[in-house]
C-alpha atoms as a PDB file:
ATOM      1  CA  MET A   1       7.561 194.664 248.924  1.00  0.00           C
ATOM      2  CA  ASN A   2       8.971 191.531 250.589  1.00  0.00           C
ATOM      3  CA  LEU A   3       8.516 189.649 247.729  1.00  0.00           C
ATOM      4  CA  ARG A   4      10.524 192.010 245.618  1.00  0.00           C
ATOM      5  CA  THR A   5      13.219 192.188 248.083  1.00  0.00           C
ATOM      6  CA  GLY A   6      13.489 188.101 248.115  1.00  0.00           C
ATOM      7  CA  ARG A   7      13.699 188.121 244.254  1.00  0.00           C
ATOM      8  CA  LEU A   8      16.420 190.913 244.420  1.00  0.00           C
ATOM      9  CA  LYS A   9      18.508 188.962 246.948  1.00  0.00           C
ATOM     10  CA  CYS A  10      18.122 185.800 244.556  1.00  0.00           C
ATOM     11  CA  TYR A  11      19.208 187.640 241.524  1.00  0.00           C
ATOM     12  CA  SER A  12      22.121 188.967 243.233  1.00  0.00           C
ATOM     13  CA  LEU A  13      23.132 185.592 244.550  1.00  0.00           C
ATOM     14  CA  HIS A  14      23.000 184.246 240.793  1.00  0.00           C
ATOM     15  CA  LEU A  15      25.243 187.035 239.796  1.00  0.00           C
ATOM     16  CA  GLY A  16      27.540 185.941 242.302  1.00  0.00           C
ATOM     17  CA  ILE A  17      27.792 182.245 241.387  1.00  0.00           C
ATOM     18  CA  LEU A  18      28.159 182.871 237.627  1.00  0.00           C
ATOM     19  CA  PRO A  19      31.667 184.136 237.550  1.00  0.00           C
ATOM     20  CA  LEU A  20      32.634 181.339 239.684  1.00  0.00           C
ATOM     21  CA  THR A  21      30.764 178.840 237.569  1.00  0.00           C
ATOM     22  CA  VAL A  22      32.565 180.198 234.504  1.00  0.00           C
ATOM     23  CA  LEU A  23      36.021 179.890 236.278  1.00  0.00           C
ATOM     24  CA  VAL A  24      35.522 176.372 237.308  1.00  0.00           C
ATOM     25  CA  LEU A  25      34.506 175.433 233.537  1.00  0.00           C
ATOM     26  CA  VAL A  26      37.570 177.137 232.106  1.00  0.00           C
ATOM     27  CA  PHE A  27      39.969 175.589 234.607  1.00  0.00           C
ATOM     28  CA  PHE A  28      38.038 171.974 233.874  1.00  0.00           C
ATOM     29  CA  CYS A  29      38.127 172.571 230.054  1.00  0.00           C
ATOM     30  CA  GLN A  30      41.721 173.561 230.106  1.00  0.00           C
ATOM     31  CA  GLY A  31      42.538 170.228 232.134  1.00  0.00           C
ATOM     32  CA  ARG A  32      40.804 168.327 229.573  1.00  0.00           C
ATOM     33  CA  ALA A  33      42.364 170.147 226.555  1.00  0.00           C
ATOM     34  CA  SER A  34      45.733 169.128 227.724  1.00  0.00           C
ATOM     35  CA  HIS A  35      44.717 165.463 227.087  1.00  0.00           C
ATOM     36  CA  ASN A  36      42.633 166.024 223.973  1.00  0.00           C
ATOM     37  CA  LEU A  37      39.638 164.563 225.900  1.00  0.00           C
ATOM     38  CA  PRO A  38      35.704 165.222 225.353  1.00  0.00           C
ATOM     39  CA  VAL A  39      33.783 167.404 227.534  1.00  0.00           C
ATOM     40  CA  ASN A  40      30.182 166.759 227.959  1.00  0.00           C
ATOM     41  CA  LEU A  41      27.987 169.783 228.232  1.00  0.00           C
ATOM     42  CA  GLY A  42      24.197 168.675 228.291  1.00  0.00           C
ATOM     43  CA  SER A  43      23.510 166.598 225.175  1.00  0.00           C
ATOM     44  CA  ALA A  44      26.507 168.252 223.256  1.00  0.00           C
ATOM     45  CA  VAL A  45      30.051 166.831 223.141  1.00  0.00           C
ATOM     46  CA  PHE A  46      32.904 169.120 222.616  1.00  0.00           C
ATOM     47  CA  PHE A  47      36.374 168.330 221.967  1.00  0.00           C
ATOM     48  CA  PHE A  48      39.056 170.682 223.242  1.00  0.00           C
ATOM     49  CA  ARG A  49      42.522 170.215 222.246  1.00  0.00           C
ATOM     50  CA  LYS A  50      45.885 171.853 222.293  1.00  0.00           C
ATOM     51  CA  ALA A  51      47.162 174.783 219.886  1.00  0.00           C
ATOM     52  CA  TYR A  52      49.128 173.579 216.920  1.00  0.00           C
ATOM     53  CA  PRO A  53      51.125 174.909 214.239  1.00  0.00           C
ATOM     54  CA  GLN A  54      49.652 176.522 211.421  1.00  0.00           C
ATOM     55  CA  PRO A  55      49.614 174.820 207.865  1.00  0.00           C
ATOM     56  CA  ARG A  56      52.043 177.284 205.913  1.00  0.00           C
ATOM     57  CA  VAL A  57      50.911 177.241 202.206  1.00  0.00           C
ATOM     58  CA  LEU A  58      54.766 177.988 200.922  1.00  0.00           C
ATOM     59  CA  THR A  59      56.196 175.722 203.408  1.00  0.00           C
ATOM     60  CA  PRO A  60      55.543 172.160 202.491  1.00  0.00           C
ATOM     61  CA  THR A  61      55.649 169.367 205.298  1.00  0.00           C
ATOM     62  CA  ARG A  62      57.933 166.888 202.893  1.00  0.00           C
ATOM     63  CA  THR A  63      60.133 168.115 199.911  1.00  0.00           C
ATOM     64  CA  ASP A  64      62.001 164.580 199.662  1.00  0.00           C
ATOM     65  CA  VAL A  65      59.125 162.577 198.590  1.00  0.00           C
ATOM     66  CA  LEU A  66      55.745 162.385 196.322  1.00  0.00           C
ATOM     67  CA  VAL A  67      53.074 163.432 198.933  1.00  0.00           C
ATOM     68  CA  LEU A  68      50.225 163.663 196.085  1.00  0.00           C
ATOM     69  CA  THR A  69      49.339 161.709 193.112  1.00  0.00           C
ATOM     70  CA  PRO A  70      48.375 163.084 189.811  1.00  0.00           C
ATOM     71  CA  TRP A  71      44.758 162.310 190.628  1.00  0.00           C
ATOM     72  CA  LEU A  72      45.283 164.413 193.912  1.00  0.00           C
ATOM     73  CA  ALA A  73      45.118 161.552 196.539  1.00  0.00           C
ATOM     74  CA  PRO A  74      47.529 162.069 199.192  1.00  0.00           C
ATOM     75  CA  ILE A  75      50.418 159.836 199.566  1.00  0.00           C
ATOM     76  CA  ILE A  76      50.895 159.291 203.474  1.00  0.00           C
ATOM     77  CA  TRP A  77      54.301 159.555 204.841  1.00  0.00           C
ATOM     78  CA  GLU A  78      55.394 160.693 208.193  1.00  0.00           C
ATOM     79  CA  GLY A  79      55.271 164.320 208.487  1.00  0.00           C
ATOM     80  CA  THR A  80      52.247 164.915 206.275  1.00  0.00           C
ATOM     81  CA  PHE A  81      49.457 164.566 208.753  1.00  0.00           C
ATOM     82  CA  ASP A  82      48.605 165.777 212.318  1.00  0.00           C
ATOM     83  CA  ILE A  83      47.138 162.703 214.304  1.00  0.00           C
ATOM     84  CA  ASP A  84      45.506 164.656 216.898  1.00  0.00           C
ATOM     85  CA  THR A  85      43.372 166.628 214.470  1.00  0.00           C
ATOM     86  CA  LEU A  86      42.574 163.499 212.539  1.00  0.00           C
ATOM     87  CA  ASN A  87      41.687 161.532 215.775  1.00  0.00           C
ATOM     88  CA  GLU A  88      39.574 164.099 216.894  1.00  0.00           C
ATOM     89  CA  GLN A  89      37.556 164.171 213.275  1.00  0.00           C
ATOM     90  CA  PHE A  90      37.053 160.607 213.479  1.00  0.00           C
ATOM     91  CA  ARG A  91      36.060 160.046 216.920  1.00  0.00           C
ATOM     92  CA  LEU A  92      33.531 162.822 216.360  1.00  0.00           C
ATOM     93  CA  ARG A  93      32.029 160.301 213.596  1.00  0.00           C
ATOM     94  CA  ASN A  94      32.057 157.483 216.113  1.00  0.00           C
ATOM     95  CA  THR A  95      34.021 155.541 213.590  1.00  0.00           C
ATOM     96  CA  THR A  96      34.565 151.593 213.828  1.00  0.00           C
ATOM     97  CA  ILE A  97      37.150 150.234 211.959  1.00  0.00           C
ATOM     98  CA  GLY A  98      37.536 146.299 210.926  1.00  0.00           C
ATOM     99  CA  LEU A  99      40.837 144.572 210.610  1.00  0.00           C
ATOM    100  CA  THR A 100      40.369 141.429 208.493  1.00  0.00           C
ATOM    101  CA  VAL A 101      43.360 138.624 208.695  1.00  0.00           C
ATOM    102  CA  PHE A 102      43.605 135.099 207.486  1.00  0.00           C
ATOM    103  CA  ALA A 103      45.276 132.719 209.596  1.00  0.00           C
ATOM    104  CA  VAL A 104      44.933 129.450 207.612  1.00  0.00           C
ATOM    105  CA  LYS A 105      47.003 126.201 208.333  1.00  0.00           C
ATOM    106  CA  LYS A 106      50.496 126.838 209.682  1.00  0.00           C
ATOM    107  CA  TYR A 107      49.887 130.473 209.350  1.00  0.00           C
ATOM    108  CA  VAL A 108      47.953 130.707 212.724  1.00  0.00           C
ATOM    109  CA  VAL A 109      51.462 131.016 214.605  1.00  0.00           C
ATOM    110  CA  PHE A 110      51.919 134.401 213.363  1.00  0.00           C
ATOM    111  CA  LEU A 111      48.415 135.552 214.965  1.00  0.00           C
ATOM    112  CA  LYS A 112      49.574 136.075 218.565  1.00  0.00           C
ATOM    113  CA  LEU A 113      52.249 138.538 217.657  1.00  0.00           C
ATOM    114  CA  PHE A 114      49.849 140.207 215.003  1.00  0.00           C
ATOM    115  CA  LEU A 115      47.081 140.849 217.705  1.00  0.00           C
ATOM    116  CA  GLU A 116      49.453 141.671 220.379  1.00  0.00           C
ATOM    117  CA  THR A 117      51.124 144.449 218.131  1.00  0.00           C
ATOM    118  CA  ALA A 118      47.791 145.492 216.783  1.00  0.00           C
ATOM    119  CA  GLU A 119      46.805 146.530 220.193  1.00  0.00           C
ATOM    120  CA  GLN A 120      49.882 148.445 220.960  1.00  0.00           C
ATOM    121  CA  HIS A 121      49.811 150.534 217.521  1.00  0.00           C
ATOM    122  CA  PHE A 122      46.565 149.929 215.404  1.00  0.00           C
ATOM    123  CA  MET A 123      43.728 152.443 215.770  1.00  0.00           C
ATOM    124  CA  VAL A 124      44.540 153.040 219.252  1.00  0.00           C
ATOM    125  CA  GLY A 125      41.659 155.166 220.813  1.00  0.00           C
ATOM    126  CA  HIS A 126      39.316 154.104 218.315  1.00  0.00           C
ATOM    127  CA  LYS A 127      36.638 151.145 218.162  1.00  0.00           C
ATOM    128  CA  VAL A 128      38.035 147.957 216.479  1.00  0.00           C
ATOM    129  CA  ILE A 129      36.602 144.779 215.259  1.00  0.00           C
ATOM    130  CA  TYR A 130      39.458 142.101 214.408  1.00  0.00           C
ATOM    131  CA  TYR A 131      37.864 139.692 211.941  1.00  0.00           C
ATOM    132  CA  VAL A 132      39.974 136.304 212.209  1.00  0.00           C
ATOM    133  CA  PHE A 133      39.476 133.901 209.409  1.00  0.00           C
ATOM    134  CA  THR A 134      41.098 130.617 209.992  1.00  0.00           C
ATOM    135  CA  ASP A 135      40.321 126.950 209.626  1.00  0.00           C
ATOM    136  CA  ARG A 136      41.818 126.365 213.214  1.00  0.00           C
ATOM    137  CA  PRO A 137      39.540 128.192 215.357  1.00  0.00           C
ATOM    138  CA  ALA A 138      40.539 126.124 218.640  1.00  0.00           C
ATOM    139  CA  ASP A 139      44.173 127.543 217.884  1.00  0.00           C
ATOM    140  CA  VAL A 140      43.137 131.125 217.910  1.00  0.00           C
ATOM    141  CA  PRO A 141      45.171 132.772 221.083  1.00  0.00           C
ATOM    142  CA  GLN A 142      43.499 134.722 223.775  1.00  0.00           C
ATOM    143  CA  VAL A 143      44.797 138.313 223.494  1.00  0.00           C
ATOM    144  CA  PRO A 144      43.449 140.885 226.127  1.00  0.00           C
ATOM    145  CA  LEU A 145      41.843 143.678 224.124  1.00  0.00           C
ATOM    146  CA  GLY A 146      41.228 147.206 224.761  1.00  0.00           C
ATOM    147  CA  ALA A 147      37.755 148.977 225.658  1.00  0.00           C
ATOM    148  CA  GLY A 148      35.759 149.071 222.682  1.00  0.00           C
ATOM    149  CA  ARG A 149      37.838 146.392 220.633  1.00  0.00           C
ATOM    150  CA  ARG A 150      36.734 143.005 220.131  1.00  0.00           C
ATOM    151  CA  LEU A 151      37.658 139.948 218.200  1.00  0.00           C
ATOM    152  CA  VAL A 152      35.189 137.666 216.003  1.00  0.00           C
ATOM    153  CA  VAL A 153      36.343 134.101 214.687  1.00  0.00           C
ATOM    154  CA  LEU A 154      35.189 133.192 211.323  1.00  0.00           C
ATOM    155  CA  THR A 155      35.817 129.466 210.268  1.00  0.00           C
ATOM    156  CA  VAL A 156      36.905 128.930 206.667  1.00  0.00           C
ATOM    157  CA  ARG A 157      38.264 125.778 204.700  1.00  0.00           C
ATOM    158  CA  ASN A 158      41.970 125.573 203.814  1.00  0.00           C
ATOM    159  CA  TYR A 159      43.362 124.794 200.402  1.00  0.00           C
ATOM    160  CA  THR A 160      46.057 122.428 199.473  1.00  0.00           C
ATOM    161  CA  ARG A 161      47.926 125.373 197.463  1.00  0.00           C
ATOM    162  CA  TRP A 162      49.022 128.518 199.466  1.00  0.00           C
ATOM    163  CA  GLN A 163      48.036 130.399 196.146  1.00  0.00           C
ATOM    164  CA  ASP A 164      44.707 129.321 196.438  1.00  0.00           C
ATOM    165  CA  VAL A 165      44.494 130.287 199.880  1.00  0.00           C
ATOM    166  CA  SER A 166      45.492 133.836 199.042  1.00  0.00           C
ATOM    167  CA  MET A 167      43.157 134.169 196.001  1.00  0.00           C
ATOM    168  CA  HIS A 168      40.101 132.857 197.885  1.00  0.00           C
ATOM    169  CA  ARG A 169      40.247 135.923 200.333  1.00  0.00           C
ATOM    170  CA  MET A 170      39.049 138.219 197.859  1.00  0.00           C
ATOM    171  CA  GLU A 171      36.036 135.982 197.644  1.00  0.00           C
ATOM    172  CA  VAL A 172      35.543 135.697 201.398  1.00  0.00           C
ATOM    173  CA  ILE A 173      36.004 139.308 202.058  1.00  0.00           C
ATOM    174  CA  SER A 174      33.707 140.043 199.126  1.00  0.00           C
ATOM    175  CA  HIS A 175      30.939 137.893 200.765  1.00  0.00           C
ATOM    176  CA  PHE A 176      31.298 139.026 204.270  1.00  0.00           C
ATOM    177  CA  SER A 177      31.399 142.539 203.308  1.00  0.00           C
ATOM    178  CA  GLU A 178      27.872 142.153 201.940  1.00  0.00           C
ATOM    179  CA  GLN A 179      26.462 139.912 204.382  1.00  0.00           C
ATOM    180  CA  ARG A 180      28.172 141.429 207.783  1.00  0.00           C
ATOM    181  CA  PHE A 181      30.561 143.857 207.952  1.00  0.00           C
ATOM    182  CA  ARG A 182      28.555 146.609 206.454  1.00  0.00           C
ATOM    183  CA  HIS A 183      26.196 146.293 209.374  1.00  0.00           C
ATOM    184  CA  GLU A 184      29.262 146.529 212.023  1.00  0.00           C
ATOM    185  CA  VAL A 185      31.891 148.826 210.768  1.00  0.00           C
ATOM    186  CA  ASP A 186      32.477 151.942 208.623  1.00  0.00           C
ATOM    187  CA  TYR A 187      35.952 150.803 207.396  1.00  0.00           C
ATOM    188  CA  LEU A 188      37.740 147.865 206.428  1.00  0.00           C
ATOM    189  CA  VAL A 189      41.504 147.228 206.849  1.00  0.00           C
ATOM    190  CA  CYS A 190      42.518 143.887 205.058  1.00  0.00           C
ATOM    191  CA  ALA A 191      46.117 142.790 206.138  1.00  0.00           C
ATOM    192  CA  ASP A 192      48.500 139.661 206.148  1.00  0.00           C
ATOM    193  CA  VAL A 193      49.080 137.798 209.259  1.00  0.00           C
ATOM    194  CA  ASP A 194      52.661 137.192 209.106  1.00  0.00           C
ATOM    195  CA  MET A 195      53.512 140.627 209.816  1.00  0.00           C
ATOM    196  CA  LYS A 196      53.668 143.022 212.980  1.00  0.00           C
ATOM    197  CA  PHE A 197      52.877 146.289 213.998  1.00  0.00           C
ATOM    198  CA  ARG A 198      55.906 148.060 214.831  1.00  0.00           C
ATOM    199  CA  ASP A 199      54.562 151.730 215.072  1.00  0.00           C
ATOM    200  CA  HIS A 200      51.517 153.981 214.958  1.00  0.00           C
ATOM    201  CA  VAL A 201      48.909 152.781 212.368  1.00  0.00           C
ATOM    202  CA  GLY A 202      46.077 154.975 212.798  1.00  0.00           C
ATOM    203  CA  VAL A 203      42.936 156.668 211.005  1.00  0.00           C
ATOM    204  CA  GLU A 204      45.630 158.571 208.743  1.00  0.00           C
ATOM    205  CA  ILE A 205      45.113 155.685 206.414  1.00  0.00           C
ATOM    206  CA  LEU A 206      41.366 155.562 206.308  1.00  0.00           C
ATOM    207  CA  SER A 207      39.634 156.886 202.969  1.00  0.00           C
ATOM    208  CA  ALA A 208      37.097 155.381 200.595  1.00  0.00           C
ATOM    209  CA  LEU A 209      39.789 153.299 198.958  1.00  0.00           C
ATOM    210  CA  PHE A 210      43.497 153.005 199.817  1.00  0.00           C
ATOM    211  CA  GLY A 211      46.250 151.098 198.425  1.00  0.00           C
ATOM    212  CA  THR A 212      49.898 150.520 200.035  1.00  0.00           C
ATOM    213  CA  LEU A 213      53.244 151.239 197.800  1.00  0.00           C
ATOM    214  CA  HIS A 214      55.393 147.680 197.338  1.00  0.00           C
ATOM    215  CA  PRO A 215      58.560 148.359 199.218  1.00  0.00           C
ATOM    216  CA  GLY A 216      60.328 146.662 196.411  1.00  0.00           C
ATOM    217  CA  PHE A 217      59.154 148.799 193.841  1.00  0.00           C
ATOM    218  CA  TYR A 218      58.341 152.303 195.163  1.00  0.00           C
ATOM    219  CA  ARG A 219      61.551 153.660 193.150  1.00  0.00           C
ATOM    220  CA  SER A 220      61.042 151.802 190.178  1.00  0.00           C
ATOM    221  CA  ARG A 221      59.674 152.831 186.747  1.00  0.00           C
ATOM    222  CA  ARG A 222      56.433 151.193 185.581  1.00  0.00           C
ATOM    223  CA  GLU A 223      58.515 148.783 183.286  1.00  0.00           C
ATOM    224  CA  SER A 224      60.113 147.023 186.012  1.00  0.00           C
ATOM    225  CA  PHE A 225      56.725 146.463 187.901  1.00  0.00           C
ATOM    226  CA  THR A 226      55.872 142.693 188.011  1.00  0.00           C
ATOM    227  CA  TYR A 227      52.354 143.182 186.563  1.00  0.00           C
ATOM    228  CA  GLU A 228      50.555 140.468 184.695  1.00  0.00           C
ATOM    229  CA  ARG A 229      51.771 141.039 181.261  1.00  0.00           C
ATOM    230  CA  ARG A 230      49.822 138.464 179.297  1.00  0.00           C
ATOM    231  CA  PRO A 231      46.832 139.626 177.598  1.00  0.00           C
ATOM    232  CA  GLN A 232      44.669 136.370 177.961  1.00  0.00           C
ATOM    233  CA  SER A 233      44.397 137.215 181.803  1.00  0.00           C
ATOM    234  CA  GLN A 234      42.075 139.454 183.257  1.00  0.00           C
ATOM    235  CA  ALA A 235      44.913 141.127 185.271  1.00  0.00           C
ATOM    236  CA  TYR A 236      46.454 142.164 182.201  1.00  0.00           C
ATOM    237  CA  ILE A 237      48.160 145.547 182.375  1.00  0.00           C
ATOM    238  CA  PRO A 238      50.181 146.751 179.046  1.00  0.00           C
ATOM    239  CA  TRP A 239      53.833 148.041 179.323  1.00  0.00           C
ATOM    240  CA  ASP A 240      53.053 151.656 178.976  1.00  0.00           C
ATOM    241  CA  GLN A 241      50.365 151.829 181.731  1.00  0.00           C
ATOM    242  CA  GLY A 242      50.616 151.998 185.564  1.00  0.00           C
ATOM    243  CA  ASP A 243      50.855 154.570 188.324  1.00  0.00           C
ATOM    244  CA  PHE A 244      52.198 152.516 191.197  1.00  0.00           C
ATOM    245  CA  TYR A 245      52.849 148.888 192.390  1.00  0.00           C
ATOM    246  CA  TYR A 246      50.664 147.681 195.326  1.00  0.00           C
ATOM    247  CA  MET A 247      51.104 145.319 197.688  1.00  0.00           C
ATOM    248  CA  GLY A 248      48.388 142.769 198.328  1.00  0.00           C
ATOM    249  CA  ALA A 249      49.192 142.632 202.119  1.00  0.00           C
ATOM    250  CA  PHE A 250      47.657 145.785 202.960  1.00  0.00           C
ATOM    251  CA  PHE A 251      44.444 147.548 201.367  1.00  0.00           C
ATOM    252  CA  GLY A 252      41.136 148.776 202.509  1.00  0.00           C
ATOM    253  CA  GLY A 253      38.835 151.599 202.580  1.00  0.00           C
ATOM    254  CA  SER A 254      35.097 152.040 203.121  1.00  0.00           C
ATOM    255  CA  VAL A 255      32.884 148.624 203.484  1.00  0.00           C
ATOM    256  CA  VAL A 256      31.186 149.510 199.921  1.00  0.00           C
ATOM    257  CA  GLU A 257      34.505 150.294 198.252  1.00  0.00           C
ATOM    258  CA  VAL A 258      36.328 147.017 199.484  1.00  0.00           C
ATOM    259  CA  HIS A 259      33.205 144.914 198.333  1.00  0.00           C
ATOM    260  CA  HIS A 260      33.575 146.386 194.987  1.00  0.00           C
ATOM    261  CA  LEU A 261      37.262 145.663 194.875  1.00  0.00           C
ATOM    262  CA  THR A 262      37.174 142.312 196.101  1.00  0.00           C
ATOM    263  CA  LYS A 263      34.003 141.263 194.053  1.00  0.00           C
ATOM    264  CA  ALA A 264      35.723 142.492 191.110  1.00  0.00           C
ATOM    265  CA  CYS A 265      39.072 140.740 191.833  1.00  0.00           C
ATOM    266  CA  HIS A 266      37.289 137.422 192.562  1.00  0.00           C
ATOM    267  CA  GLN A 267      35.197 137.505 189.514  1.00  0.00           C
ATOM    268  CA  ALA A 268      38.426 138.287 187.371  1.00  0.00           C
ATOM    269  CA  MET A 269      40.105 135.226 188.878  1.00  0.00           C
ATOM    270  CA  VAL A 270      37.007 132.981 188.071  1.00  0.00           C
ATOM    271  CA  GLU A 271      37.127 134.121 184.647  1.00  0.00           C
ATOM    272  CA  ASP A 272      40.941 133.544 184.309  1.00  0.00           C
ATOM    273  CA  GLN A 273      40.358 129.907 185.960  1.00  0.00           C
ATOM    274  CA  ALA A 274      37.712 129.115 183.399  1.00  0.00           C
ATOM    275  CA  ASN A 275      40.497 130.092 180.564  1.00  0.00           C
ATOM    276  CA  GLY A 276      42.988 128.087 182.138  1.00  0.00           C
ATOM    277  CA  ILE A 277      45.341 130.902 183.187  1.00  0.00           C
ATOM    278  CA  GLU A 278      46.488 132.081 186.540  1.00  0.00           C
ATOM    279  CA  ALA A 279      47.803 135.589 187.001  1.00  0.00           C
ATOM    280  CA  VAL A 280      51.651 135.863 187.988  1.00  0.00           C
ATOM    281  CA  TRP A 281      51.095 137.134 191.401  1.00  0.00           C
ATOM    282  CA  HIS A 282      47.512 135.644 192.275  1.00  0.00           C
ATOM    283  CA  ASP A 283      45.091 138.165 193.963  1.00  0.00           C
ATOM    284  CA  GLU A 284      47.900 140.860 194.323  1.00  0.00           C
ATOM    285  CA  SER A 285      48.076 141.101 190.082  1.00  0.00           C
ATOM    286  CA  HIS A 286      44.195 141.732 190.053  1.00  0.00           C
ATOM    287  CA  LEU A 287      44.523 144.228 192.988  1.00  0.00           C
ATOM    288  CA  ASN A 288      46.880 146.118 190.672  1.00  0.00           C
ATOM    289  CA  LYS A 289      44.571 145.717 187.753  1.00  0.00           C
ATOM    290  CA  TYR A 290      41.758 147.195 189.701  1.00  0.00           C
ATOM    291  CA  LEU A 291      43.473 150.006 191.380  1.00  0.00           C
ATOM    292  CA  LEU A 292      44.872 151.191 187.829  1.00  0.00           C
ATOM    293  CA  TYR A 293      41.329 152.012 186.641  1.00  0.00           C
ATOM    294  CA  HIS A 294      39.546 152.631 190.217  1.00  0.00           C
ATOM    295  CA  LYS A 295      42.071 155.104 191.362  1.00  0.00           C
ATOM    296  CA  PRO A 296      42.724 154.678 195.125  1.00  0.00           C
ATOM    297  CA  THR A 297      41.844 158.043 197.343  1.00  0.00           C
ATOM    298  CA  LYS A 298      44.773 157.641 199.523  1.00  0.00           C
ATOM    299  CA  VAL A 299      48.140 155.827 198.937  1.00  0.00           C
ATOM    300  CA  LEU A 300      50.148 154.598 201.896  1.00  0.00           C
ATOM    301  CA  SER A 301      53.889 154.879 201.638  1.00  0.00           C
ATOM    302  CA  PRO A 302      56.221 152.047 202.338  1.00  0.00           C
ATOM    303  CA  GLU A 303      56.204 152.922 205.756  1.00  0.00           C
ATOM    304  CA  TYR A 304      53.122 150.744 205.994  1.00  0.00           C
ATOM    305  CA  MET A 305      54.708 147.730 204.339  1.00  0.00           C
ATOM    306  CA  TRP A 306      58.311 147.184 204.839  1.00  0.00           C
ATOM    307  CA  ASP A 307      60.925 144.233 205.228  1.00  0.00           C
ATOM    308  CA  GLN A 308      63.914 145.576 207.250  1.00  0.00           C
ATOM    309  CA  GLN A 309      65.819 142.139 206.817  1.00  0.00           C
ATOM    310  CA  LEU A 310      65.500 142.489 203.064  1.00  0.00           C
ATOM    311  CA  LEU A 311      65.643 146.171 202.625  1.00  0.00           C
ATOM    312  CA  GLY A 312      67.227 147.666 205.690  1.00  0.00           C
ATOM    313  CA  TRP A 313      66.129 151.180 206.904  1.00  0.00           C
ATOM    314  CA  PRO A 314      66.655 154.014 204.270  1.00  0.00           C
ATOM    315  CA  SER A 315      66.943 157.438 205.657  1.00  0.00           C
ATOM    316  CA  ILE A 316      63.805 158.393 203.741  1.00  0.00           C
ATOM    317  CA  MET A 317      61.811 156.158 206.091  1.00  0.00           C
ATOM    318  CA  LYS A 318      60.859 158.213 209.224  1.00  0.00           C
ATOM    319  CA  LYS A 319      58.984 155.268 210.554  1.00  0.00           C
ATOM    320  CA  LEU A 320      58.494 151.611 209.917  1.00  0.00           C
ATOM    321  CA  ARG A 321      55.032 150.887 210.964  1.00  0.00           C
ATOM    322  CA  TYR A 322      54.051 147.577 209.521  1.00  0.00           C
ATOM    323  CA  VAL A 323      56.769 145.107 209.076  1.00  0.00           C
ATOM    324  CA  ALA A 324      57.275 141.577 208.037  1.00  0.00           C
ATOM    325  CA  VAL A 325      58.206 139.042 210.734  1.00  0.00           C
ATOM    326  CA  PRO A 326      61.256 136.827 209.588  1.00  0.00           C
ATOM    327  CA  LYS A 327      60.128 133.554 208.546  1.00  0.00           C
ATOM    328  CA  ASN A 328      60.980 130.271 206.270  1.00  0.00           C
ATOM    329  CA  HIS A 329      58.479 130.879 203.667  1.00  0.00           C
ATOM    330  CA  GLN A 330      59.072 127.233 202.241  1.00  0.00           C
ATOM    331  CA  ALA A 331      58.385 125.627 205.611  1.00  0.00           C
ATOM    332  CA  ILE A 332      55.224 127.814 206.368  1.00  0.00           C
ATOM    333  CA  ARG A 333      53.578 127.340 203.066  1.00  0.00           C
ATOM    334  CA  ASN A 334      54.041 123.564 203.040  1.00  0.00           C
END
């Protein structure tokens, strides 16, 4: 009888504690939810987030710009995505992003600003590895990095002509994608160093393969694109073909797809060289040829590649995210 009474008292105690435990957990989760932070319950991780507006099927988020390509790839503009939802999804996958940049010869002077602004705006809250390719490793600046972010310096040779430096990027990225990147990151973003991040650039850009609309041609007809028009080149695109003109300064995707792209472009440039021809815009011409026949799964609007000094700030651009740094091209290239 005493044993039974003891059990009843214990049972009653548990019933009293249970509502209090639930109440504490609810308040804890609400506090976490207001900051979109993960909550650990045993071995599982749950993300609690604030409520967000329901997508409305009959109310498009943007009506002033094209937001979907004919092959059903989204075109990323401000107002077409919810970054909290995307951040949550990519954190659940424990995603790591690699950012490749070439700081060869005098271009190393742009590296400090590039890295500092990337720390402010690029993939904030996610794991990032900066891969800096340079012929001057001693000149790579020391920039404080956030948690989960690190910098890897990789030494490459330089070339006399800036065109050769640009074109050999495809060979180097292809090689390291196969030998190293595929073991360390999930996605690669390939960027020019003479730029700075001015506003948020996050996981909304990530996809199997993405390209960025050239700020000088996003309004133009295909006949005006500066594609390679000579049939002798492997970068040749006929006058009656072409979707968009993509900028060579910002592209990327999964490591596998970036490897396919850079390897194909490098091989095409090697073949052109053997035939004594060089595409009009070098590696960018070959990038455009590749993306014509291997459609990107996302297209970035010119928000992600802009030159305010040359183009101003038209109202269609809600944000300028990745922008050119004013420079004397002739002095830097020489």
